């Protein structure tokens, strides 16, 4: 009887999953327009597959973990694995930079993060299990401390990181909200325009911007321009009173706004 109830619950969960998948693939899709329909399917299908794989991996890991420790409340995140991956991901971009090969190739970046995390996690947790005589509860307690430790290091790296570098780490709205609350603006020259174009190039290469018409870059104009023109139109928008002093490359289009010089210090943008 109990087995029958479990099978019924699994069947209900499977039906709910199928309904959620169908809703994700159809809600808001313009079926009357073939191009828009094909575009929506091309964007949503890989995301749906990724979500299903992630859900299966998290569910399987939780079941195995809870079976080992005989507790249905705790989850593997108590070991600090989530924060460890976030720390490694941040550290890789902090060292390599947003203009590196890892920033352009998401698959290579994921492979490097996964390899480093596997090695570091194996060393740390194998050492903890040996020192605690394979006591899972002690490892869980230490894991909660390591979670705060990893999170603190990641926060420190993001605070000292260049905003253009950190932009590659914005993966969800929560991170974006945190970034906006801790945003510090600086001006007066020295801007490196290249990371922004490297980021757009990466999105184009991944097929995220199939209908990109061009890029508008609002700036004071003082900075480092890319050595070569991008494959898409790019225009720099700046103020008239600064325009005459800027050395702009020939490939760059410019849009100069007619504005009076502000009555504040010279470094105001």
C-alpha atoms as a PDB file:
ATOM      1  CA  UNK A   1       0.000   0.000   0.000  1.00  0.00           C
ATOM      2  CA  UNK A   2       2.809   2.384   0.906  1.00  0.00           C
ATOM      3  CA  UNK A   3       4.636   1.577  -2.311  1.00  0.00           C
ATOM      4  CA  UNK A   4       1.479   2.358  -4.290  1.00  0.00           C
ATOM      5  CA  UNK A   5       1.186   5.774  -2.604  1.00  0.00           C
ATOM      6  CA  UNK A   6       4.805   6.549  -3.394  1.00  0.00           C
ATOM      7  CA  UNK A   7       4.282   5.643  -7.029  1.00  0.00           C
ATOM      8  CA  UNK A   8       1.210   7.869  -7.134  1.00  0.00           C
ATOM      9  CA  UNK A   9       3.181  10.792  -5.678  1.00  0.00           C
ATOM     10  CA  UNK A  10       5.943  10.312  -8.223  1.00  0.00           C
ATOM     11  CA  UNK A  11       3.380  10.240 -11.028  1.00  0.00           C
ATOM     12  CA  UNK A  12       1.799  13.478  -9.795  1.00  0.00           C
ATOM     13  CA  UNK A  13       5.225  15.138  -9.551  1.00  0.00           C
ATOM     14  CA  UNK A  14       6.057  13.959 -13.086  1.00  0.00           C
ATOM     15  CA  UNK A  15       2.800  15.436 -14.418  1.00  0.00           C
ATOM     16  CA  UNK A  16       3.529  18.747 -12.661  1.00  0.00           C
ATOM     17  CA  UNK A  17       7.011  18.803 -14.176  1.00  0.00           C
ATOM     18  CA  UNK A  18       5.618  18.166 -17.653  1.00  0.00           C
ATOM     19  CA  UNK A  19       3.027  20.913 -17.212  1.00  0.00           C
ATOM     20  CA  UNK A  20       5.707  23.355 -16.018  1.00  0.00           C
ATOM     21  CA  UNK A  21       7.898  22.476 -19.018  1.00  0.00           C
ATOM     22  CA  UNK A  22       5.010  22.913 -21.426  1.00  0.00           C
ATOM     23  CA  UNK A  23       4.138  26.264 -19.865  1.00  0.00           C
ATOM     24  CA  UNK A  24       7.737  27.465 -20.065  1.00  0.00           C
ATOM     25  CA  UNK A  25       7.977  26.507 -23.733  1.00  0.00           C
ATOM     26  CA  UNK A  26       4.635  28.001 -24.803  1.00  0.00           C
ATOM     27  CA  UNK A  27       3.665  30.985 -22.606  1.00  0.00           C
ATOM     28  CA  UNK A  28       4.350  34.264 -24.398  1.00  0.00           C
ATOM     29  CA  UNK A  29       5.417  32.586 -27.646  1.00  0.00           C
ATOM     30  CA  UNK A  30       4.138  34.108 -30.903  1.00  0.00           C
ATOM     31  CA  UNK A  31       3.053  30.986 -32.772  1.00  0.00           C
ATOM     32  CA  UNK A  32       1.648  33.047 -35.652  1.00  0.00           C
ATOM     33  CA  UNK A  33       5.111  34.361 -36.528  1.00  0.00           C
ATOM     34  CA  UNK A  34       7.435  31.598 -37.671  1.00  0.00           C
ATOM     35  CA  UNK A  35      10.636  33.583 -37.105  1.00  0.00           C
ATOM     36  CA  UNK A  36       9.665  34.650 -33.588  1.00  0.00           C
ATOM     37  CA  UNK A  37       8.581  31.099 -32.799  1.00  0.00           C
ATOM     38  CA  UNK A  38      11.888  29.660 -34.015  1.00  0.00           C
ATOM     39  CA  UNK A  39      13.793  32.320 -32.069  1.00  0.00           C
ATOM     40  CA  UNK A  40      11.882  31.539 -28.864  1.00  0.00           C
ATOM     41  CA  UNK A  41      12.481  27.802 -29.237  1.00  0.00           C
ATOM     42  CA  UNK A  42      16.172  28.353 -29.905  1.00  0.00           C
ATOM     43  CA  UNK A  43      16.494  30.380 -26.693  1.00  0.00           C
ATOM     44  CA  UNK A  44      14.204  28.394 -24.408  1.00  0.00           C
ATOM     45  CA  UNK A  45      15.140  24.818 -25.344  1.00  0.00           C
ATOM     46  CA  UNK A  46      18.750  24.915 -24.066  1.00  0.00           C
ATOM     47  CA  UNK A  47      17.605  26.696 -20.896  1.00  0.00           C
ATOM     48  CA  UNK A  48      14.932  24.092 -20.247  1.00  0.00           C
ATOM     49  CA  UNK A  49      17.444  21.266 -20.721  1.00  0.00           C
ATOM     50  CA  UNK A  50      19.857  23.000 -18.351  1.00  0.00           C
ATOM     51  CA  UNK A  51      17.135  23.417 -15.709  1.00  0.00           C
ATOM     52  CA  UNK A  52      16.134  19.756 -15.948  1.00  0.00           C
ATOM     53  CA  UNK A  53      19.731  18.576 -15.638  1.00  0.00           C
ATOM     54  CA  UNK A  54      20.302  20.915 -12.685  1.00  0.00           C
ATOM     55  CA  UNK A  55      17.123  19.770 -10.947  1.00  0.00           C
ATOM     56  CA  UNK A  56      18.069  16.116 -11.433  1.00  0.00           C
ATOM     57  CA  UNK A  57      21.610  16.708 -10.129  1.00  0.00           C
ATOM     58  CA  UNK A  58      20.457  18.655  -7.061  1.00  0.00           C
ATOM     59  CA  UNK A  59      17.704  16.157  -6.257  1.00  0.00           C
ATOM     60  CA  UNK A  60      20.005  13.148  -6.634  1.00  0.00           C
ATOM     61  CA  UNK A  61      22.730  14.748  -4.521  1.00  0.00           C
ATOM     62  CA  UNK A  62      20.234  15.650  -1.799  1.00  0.00           C
ATOM     63  CA  UNK A  63      18.771  12.131  -1.672  1.00  0.00           C
ATOM     64  CA  UNK A  64      22.204  10.497  -1.467  1.00  0.00           C
ATOM     65  CA  UNK A  65      23.391  12.995   1.142  1.00  0.00           C
ATOM     66  CA  UNK A  66      20.280  12.639   3.306  1.00  0.00           C
ATOM     67  CA  UNK A  67      20.435   8.849   3.062  1.00  0.00           C
ATOM     68  CA  UNK A  68      24.047   8.805   4.247  1.00  0.00           C
ATOM     69  CA  UNK A  69      23.453  10.960   7.320  1.00  0.00           C
ATOM     70  CA  UNK A  70      19.903   9.647   7.919  1.00  0.00           C
ATOM     71  CA  UNK A  71      18.390  13.133   8.026  1.00  0.00           C
ATOM     72  CA  UNK A  72      15.812  14.539   5.591  1.00  0.00           C
ATOM     73  CA  UNK A  73      16.274  18.188   6.599  1.00  0.00           C
ATOM     74  CA  UNK A  74      19.899  18.991   5.817  1.00  0.00           C
ATOM     75  CA  UNK A  75      21.190  19.485   2.289  1.00  0.00           C
ATOM     76  CA  UNK A  76      24.681  19.337   0.712  1.00  0.00           C
ATOM     77  CA  UNK A  77      24.832  23.143   0.664  1.00  0.00           C
ATOM     78  CA  UNK A  78      25.663  22.989   4.389  1.00  0.00           C
ATOM     79  CA  UNK A  79      29.100  21.721   3.379  1.00  0.00           C
ATOM     80  CA  UNK A  80      29.798  25.055   1.717  1.00  0.00           C
ATOM     81  CA  UNK A  81      30.013  23.690  -1.821  1.00  0.00           C
ATOM     82  CA  UNK A  82      27.865  26.494  -3.273  1.00  0.00           C
ATOM     83  CA  UNK A  83      30.008  29.244  -1.809  1.00  0.00           C
ATOM     84  CA  UNK A  84      33.179  27.390  -2.758  1.00  0.00           C
ATOM     85  CA  UNK A  85      32.122  27.327  -6.411  1.00  0.00           C
ATOM     86  CA  UNK A  86      31.163  31.022  -6.299  1.00  0.00           C
ATOM     87  CA  UNK A  87      34.533  31.851  -4.763  1.00  0.00           C
ATOM     88  CA  UNK A  88      36.441  29.862  -7.392  1.00  0.00           C
ATOM     89  CA  UNK A  89      34.411  31.411 -10.222  1.00  0.00           C
ATOM     90  CA  UNK A  90      35.095  34.896  -8.881  1.00  0.00           C
ATOM     91  CA  UNK A  91      38.774  34.174  -8.276  1.00  0.00           C
ATOM     92  CA  UNK A  92      39.280  32.857 -11.826  1.00  0.00           C
ATOM     93  CA  UNK A  93      37.830  36.028 -13.361  1.00  0.00           C
ATOM     94  CA  UNK A  94      39.722  38.156 -10.859  1.00  0.00           C
ATOM     95  CA  UNK A  95      43.040  36.622 -11.936  1.00  0.00           C
ATOM     96  CA  UNK A  96      42.366  36.038 -15.648  1.00  0.00           C
ATOM     97  CA  UNK A  97      40.338  39.189 -16.377  1.00  0.00           C
ATOM     98  CA  UNK A  98      37.251  39.726 -18.507  1.00  0.00           C
ATOM     99  CA  UNK A  99      39.342  40.015 -21.683  1.00  0.00           C
ATOM    100  CA  UNK A 100      40.797  36.515 -21.294  1.00  0.00           C
ATOM    101  CA  UNK A 101      39.870  33.378 -23.209  1.00  0.00           C
ATOM    102  CA  UNK A 102      37.897  32.100 -20.216  1.00  0.00           C
ATOM    103  CA  UNK A 103      35.659  35.176 -20.295  1.00  0.00           C
ATOM    104  CA  UNK A 104      34.875  34.668 -23.992  1.00  0.00           C
ATOM    105  CA  UNK A 105      34.382  30.894 -23.835  1.00  0.00           C
ATOM    106  CA  UNK A 106      31.787  29.970 -21.211  1.00  0.00           C
ATOM    107  CA  UNK A 107      32.345  26.225 -21.648  1.00  0.00           C
ATOM    108  CA  UNK A 108      36.067  26.533 -21.028  1.00  0.00           C
ATOM    109  CA  UNK A 109      35.426  28.721 -17.977  1.00  0.00           C
ATOM    110  CA  UNK A 110      32.996  26.165 -16.558  1.00  0.00           C
ATOM    111  CA  UNK A 111      35.470  23.326 -17.171  1.00  0.00           C
ATOM    112  CA  UNK A 112      38.244  25.223 -15.390  1.00  0.00           C
ATOM    113  CA  UNK A 113      35.967  26.129 -12.465  1.00  0.00           C
ATOM    114  CA  UNK A 114      34.784  22.519 -12.185  1.00  0.00           C
ATOM    115  CA  UNK A 115      38.313  21.111 -12.267  1.00  0.00           C
ATOM    116  CA  UNK A 116      39.589  23.548  -9.640  1.00  0.00           C
ATOM    117  CA  UNK A 117      36.566  23.014  -7.420  1.00  0.00           C
ATOM    118  CA  UNK A 118      36.890  19.228  -7.640  1.00  0.00           C
ATOM    119  CA  UNK A 119      40.531  19.349  -6.647  1.00  0.00           C
ATOM    120  CA  UNK A 120      40.067  21.883  -3.835  1.00  0.00           C
ATOM    121  CA  UNK A 121      36.959  20.184  -2.440  1.00  0.00           C
ATOM    122  CA  UNK A 122      38.669  16.784  -2.477  1.00  0.00           C
ATOM    123  CA  UNK A 123      41.661  18.112  -0.551  1.00  0.00           C
ATOM    124  CA  UNK A 124      39.624  20.096   2.004  1.00  0.00           C
ATOM    125  CA  UNK A 125      36.901  17.581   2.798  1.00  0.00           C
ATOM    126  CA  UNK A 126      39.073  14.480   2.706  1.00  0.00           C
ATOM    127  CA  UNK A 127      41.294  16.204   5.263  1.00  0.00           C
ATOM    128  CA  UNK A 128      38.273  17.103   7.416  1.00  0.00           C
ATOM    129  CA  UNK A 129      36.900  13.555   7.316  1.00  0.00           C
ATOM    130  CA  UNK A 130      40.264  12.145   8.377  1.00  0.00           C
ATOM    131  CA  UNK A 131      40.653  14.645  11.225  1.00  0.00           C
ATOM    132  CA  UNK A 132      37.113  14.040  12.527  1.00  0.00           C
ATOM    133  CA  UNK A 133      37.324  10.237  12.207  1.00  0.00           C
ATOM    134  CA  UNK A 134      34.640  10.381   9.489  1.00  0.00           C
ATOM    135  CA  UNK A 135      32.127  12.081  11.771  1.00  0.00           C
ATOM    136  CA  UNK A 136      29.597  13.630   9.378  1.00  0.00           C
ATOM    137  CA  UNK A 137      28.066  15.945  11.994  1.00  0.00           C
ATOM    138  CA  UNK A 138      31.425  17.525  12.761  1.00  0.00           C
ATOM    139  CA  UNK A 139      32.059  18.006   9.062  1.00  0.00           C
ATOM    140  CA  UNK A 140      28.654  19.694   8.713  1.00  0.00           C
ATOM    141  CA  UNK A 141      29.468  22.092  11.554  1.00  0.00           C
ATOM    142  CA  UNK A 142      32.808  22.950   9.985  1.00  0.00           C
ATOM    143  CA  UNK A 143      31.061  23.296   6.622  1.00  0.00           C
ATOM    144  CA  UNK A 144      28.786  26.031   7.966  1.00  0.00           C
ATOM    145  CA  UNK A 145      31.862  27.957   9.111  1.00  0.00           C
ATOM    146  CA  UNK A 146      33.563  27.424   5.745  1.00  0.00           C
ATOM    147  CA  UNK A 147      30.442  28.763   4.018  1.00  0.00           C
ATOM    148  CA  UNK A 148      30.837  32.112   5.773  1.00  0.00           C
ATOM    149  CA  UNK A 149      34.595  32.025   5.178  1.00  0.00           C
ATOM    150  CA  UNK A 150      34.275  31.410   1.424  1.00  0.00           C
ATOM    151  CA  UNK A 151      31.535  34.039   1.161  1.00  0.00           C
ATOM    152  CA  UNK A 152      33.696  36.646   2.923  1.00  0.00           C
ATOM    153  CA  UNK A 153      36.619  36.060   0.563  1.00  0.00           C
ATOM    154  CA  UNK A 154      34.341  36.298  -2.482  1.00  0.00           C
ATOM    155  CA  UNK A 155      32.848  39.566  -1.194  1.00  0.00           C
ATOM    156  CA  UNK A 156      36.339  40.987  -0.714  1.00  0.00           C
ATOM    157  CA  UNK A 157      37.323  40.060  -4.281  1.00  0.00           C
ATOM    158  CA  UNK A 158      34.182  41.615  -5.756  1.00  0.00           C
ATOM    159  CA  UNK A 159      34.760  44.838  -3.828  1.00  0.00           C
ATOM    160  CA  UNK A 160      38.274  45.324  -5.194  1.00  0.00           C
ATOM    161  CA  UNK A 161      37.400  44.081  -8.680  1.00  0.00           C
ATOM    162  CA  UNK A 162      36.934  46.463 -11.587  1.00  0.00           C
ATOM    163  CA  UNK A 163      33.196  46.883 -12.378  1.00  0.00           C
ATOM    164  CA  UNK A 164      33.814  45.809 -15.983  1.00  0.00           C
ATOM    165  CA  UNK A 165      35.377  42.591 -14.706  1.00  0.00           C
ATOM    166  CA  UNK A 166      32.571  41.950 -12.248  1.00  0.00           C
ATOM    167  CA  UNK A 167      29.935  42.372 -14.952  1.00  0.00           C
ATOM    168  CA  UNK A 168      30.794  38.881 -16.220  1.00  0.00           C
ATOM    169  CA  UNK A 169      29.787  37.456 -12.856  1.00  0.00           C
ATOM    170  CA  UNK A 170      26.254  38.890 -12.822  1.00  0.00           C
ATOM    171  CA  UNK A 171      24.169  35.766 -13.228  1.00  0.00           C
ATOM    172  CA  UNK A 172      20.875  36.623 -11.580  1.00  0.00           C
ATOM    173  CA  UNK A 173      18.790  39.534 -10.292  1.00  0.00           C
ATOM    174  CA  UNK A 174      19.898  39.063  -6.689  1.00  0.00           C
ATOM    175  CA  UNK A 175      23.539  39.577  -7.619  1.00  0.00           C
ATOM    176  CA  UNK A 176      22.580  42.537  -9.786  1.00  0.00           C
ATOM    177  CA  UNK A 177      20.669  44.108  -6.869  1.00  0.00           C
ATOM    178  CA  UNK A 178      23.680  43.634  -4.587  1.00  0.00           C
ATOM    179  CA  UNK A 179      25.904  45.191  -7.225  1.00  0.00           C
ATOM    180  CA  UNK A 180      23.668  48.244  -7.580  1.00  0.00           C
ATOM    181  CA  UNK A 181      23.542  48.777  -3.820  1.00  0.00           C
ATOM    182  CA  UNK A 182      27.353  48.736  -3.576  1.00  0.00           C
ATOM    183  CA  UNK A 183      28.066  50.576  -6.831  1.00  0.00           C
ATOM    184  CA  UNK A 184      30.730  53.297  -6.709  1.00  0.00           C
ATOM    185  CA  UNK A 185      31.082  55.677  -9.681  1.00  0.00           C
ATOM    186  CA  UNK A 186      34.363  57.201 -10.773  1.00  0.00           C
ATOM    187  CA  UNK A 187      35.158  59.520 -13.670  1.00  0.00           C
ATOM    188  CA  UNK A 188      37.759  61.775 -15.197  1.00  0.00           C
ATOM    189  CA  UNK A 189      39.571  59.541 -17.676  1.00  0.00           C
ATOM    190  CA  UNK A 190      41.378  56.223 -17.717  1.00  0.00           C
ATOM    191  CA  UNK A 191      38.390  54.109 -18.751  1.00  0.00           C
ATOM    192  CA  UNK A 192      39.211  50.876 -20.542  1.00  0.00           C
ATOM    193  CA  UNK A 193      36.584  50.423 -23.278  1.00  0.00           C
ATOM    194  CA  UNK A 194      37.892  46.988 -24.317  1.00  0.00           C
ATOM    195  CA  UNK A 195      36.210  44.793 -21.638  1.00  0.00           C
ATOM    196  CA  UNK A 196      32.771  46.072 -22.646  1.00  0.00           C
ATOM    197  CA  UNK A 197      33.364  45.123 -26.286  1.00  0.00           C
ATOM    198  CA  UNK A 198      34.860  41.778 -25.227  1.00  0.00           C
ATOM    199  CA  UNK A 199      31.662  41.099 -23.287  1.00  0.00           C
ATOM    200  CA  UNK A 200      29.462  41.955 -26.289  1.00  0.00           C
ATOM    201  CA  UNK A 201      31.678  39.792 -28.522  1.00  0.00           C
ATOM    202  CA  UNK A 202      31.173  36.878 -26.144  1.00  0.00           C
ATOM    203  CA  UNK A 203      27.380  37.301 -26.227  1.00  0.00           C
ATOM    204  CA  UNK A 204      27.433  37.463 -30.025  1.00  0.00           C
ATOM    205  CA  UNK A 205      29.583  34.320 -30.222  1.00  0.00           C
ATOM    206  CA  UNK A 206      27.157  32.486 -27.924  1.00  0.00           C
ATOM    207  CA  UNK A 207      24.188  33.500 -30.057  1.00  0.00           C
ATOM    208  CA  UNK A 208      22.610  35.616 -27.312  1.00  0.00           C
ATOM    209  CA  UNK A 209      22.366  38.701 -29.571  1.00  0.00           C
ATOM    210  CA  UNK A 210      21.317  37.381 -32.980  1.00  0.00           C
ATOM    211  CA  UNK A 211      19.725  40.694 -34.015  1.00  0.00           C
ATOM    212  CA  UNK A 212      22.326  43.081 -32.634  1.00  0.00           C
ATOM    213  CA  UNK A 213      22.159  46.321 -34.593  1.00  0.00           C
ATOM    214  CA  UNK A 214      25.048  48.087 -32.912  1.00  0.00           C
ATOM    215  CA  UNK A 215      26.441  49.427 -29.630  1.00  0.00           C
ATOM    216  CA  UNK A 216      26.111  52.908 -28.128  1.00  0.00           C
ATOM    217  CA  UNK A 217      28.838  53.736 -25.602  1.00  0.00           C
ATOM    218  CA  UNK A 218      28.107  56.796 -23.417  1.00  0.00           C
ATOM    219  CA  UNK A 219      31.422  58.146 -22.196  1.00  0.00           C
ATOM    220  CA  UNK A 220      33.567  61.218 -21.688  1.00  0.00           C
ATOM    221  CA  UNK A 221      35.835  59.777 -24.395  1.00  0.00           C
ATOM    222  CA  UNK A 222      38.998  59.554 -22.325  1.00  0.00           C
ATOM    223  CA  UNK A 223      40.131  55.953 -22.261  1.00  0.00           C
ATOM    224  CA  UNK A 224      41.588  52.979 -24.105  1.00  0.00           C
ATOM    225  CA  UNK A 225      39.804  52.091 -27.342  1.00  0.00           C
ATOM    226  CA  UNK A 226      39.914  48.605 -28.942  1.00  0.00           C
ATOM    227  CA  UNK A 227      42.717  48.340 -31.469  1.00  0.00           C
ATOM    228  CA  UNK A 228      40.427  46.910 -34.168  1.00  0.00           C
ATOM    229  CA  UNK A 229      36.852  47.612 -35.138  1.00  0.00           C
ATOM    230  CA  UNK A 230      34.214  45.143 -33.903  1.00  0.00           C
ATOM    231  CA  UNK A 231      32.063  43.172 -36.324  1.00  0.00           C
ATOM    232  CA  UNK A 232      29.045  45.357 -35.516  1.00  0.00           C
ATOM    233  CA  UNK A 233      28.541  49.150 -35.669  1.00  0.00           C
ATOM    234  CA  UNK A 234      29.772  50.995 -32.580  1.00  0.00           C
ATOM    235  CA  UNK A 235      29.208  54.643 -31.728  1.00  0.00           C
ATOM    236  CA  UNK A 236      30.597  56.655 -28.820  1.00  0.00           C
ATOM    237  CA  UNK A 237      28.297  59.313 -27.389  1.00  0.00           C
ATOM    238  CA  UNK A 238      30.052  62.240 -25.721  1.00  0.00           C
ATOM    239  CA  UNK A 239      29.729  65.948 -24.981  1.00  0.00           C
ATOM    240  CA  UNK A 240      30.885  68.687 -27.341  1.00  0.00           C
ATOM    241  CA  UNK A 241      33.124  70.536 -24.898  1.00  0.00           C
ATOM    242  CA  UNK A 242      35.299  67.397 -24.472  1.00  0.00           C
ATOM    243  CA  UNK A 243      35.210  66.123 -28.032  1.00  0.00           C
ATOM    244  CA  UNK A 244      38.010  68.302 -29.447  1.00  0.00           C
ATOM    245  CA  UNK A 245      40.576  66.907 -27.000  1.00  0.00           C
ATOM    246  CA  UNK A 246      39.981  63.216 -27.685  1.00  0.00           C
ATOM    247  CA  UNK A 247      42.006  60.989 -29.986  1.00  0.00           C
ATOM    248  CA  UNK A 248      39.324  58.722 -31.478  1.00  0.00           C
ATOM    249  CA  UNK A 249      40.232  55.793 -33.778  1.00  0.00           C
ATOM    250  CA  UNK A 250      39.036  55.992 -37.370  1.00  0.00           C
ATOM    251  CA  UNK A 251      36.722  53.002 -37.107  1.00  0.00           C
ATOM    252  CA  UNK A 252      34.717  54.491 -34.232  1.00  0.00           C
ATOM    253  CA  UNK A 253      31.550  56.404 -35.026  1.00  0.00           C
ATOM    254  CA  UNK A 254      30.811  59.387 -32.802  1.00  0.00           C
ATOM    255  CA  UNK A 255      27.681  61.156 -31.672  1.00  0.00           C
ATOM    256  CA  UNK A 256      28.531  64.516 -30.123  1.00  0.00           C
ATOM    257  CA  UNK A 257      25.925  66.159 -27.917  1.00  0.00           C
ATOM    258  CA  UNK A 258      25.775  69.945 -27.863  1.00  0.00           C
ATOM    259  CA  UNK A 259      25.953  70.753 -24.150  1.00  0.00           C
ATOM    260  CA  UNK A 260      27.437  73.601 -22.155  1.00  0.00           C
ATOM    261  CA  UNK A 261      30.406  72.930 -19.962  1.00  0.00           C
ATOM    262  CA  UNK A 262      29.181  72.317 -16.394  1.00  0.00           C
ATOM    263  CA  UNK A 263      29.928  74.887 -13.759  1.00  0.00           C
ATOM    264  CA  UNK A 264      31.605  72.357 -11.495  1.00  0.00           C
ATOM    265  CA  UNK A 265      35.126  70.972 -11.473  1.00  0.00           C
ATOM    266  CA  UNK A 266      36.820  69.940 -14.709  1.00  0.00           C
ATOM    267  CA  UNK A 267      36.617  66.218 -13.945  1.00  0.00           C
ATOM    268  CA  UNK A 268      32.815  66.105 -13.936  1.00  0.00           C
ATOM    269  CA  UNK A 269      31.271  63.868 -16.571  1.00  0.00           C
END
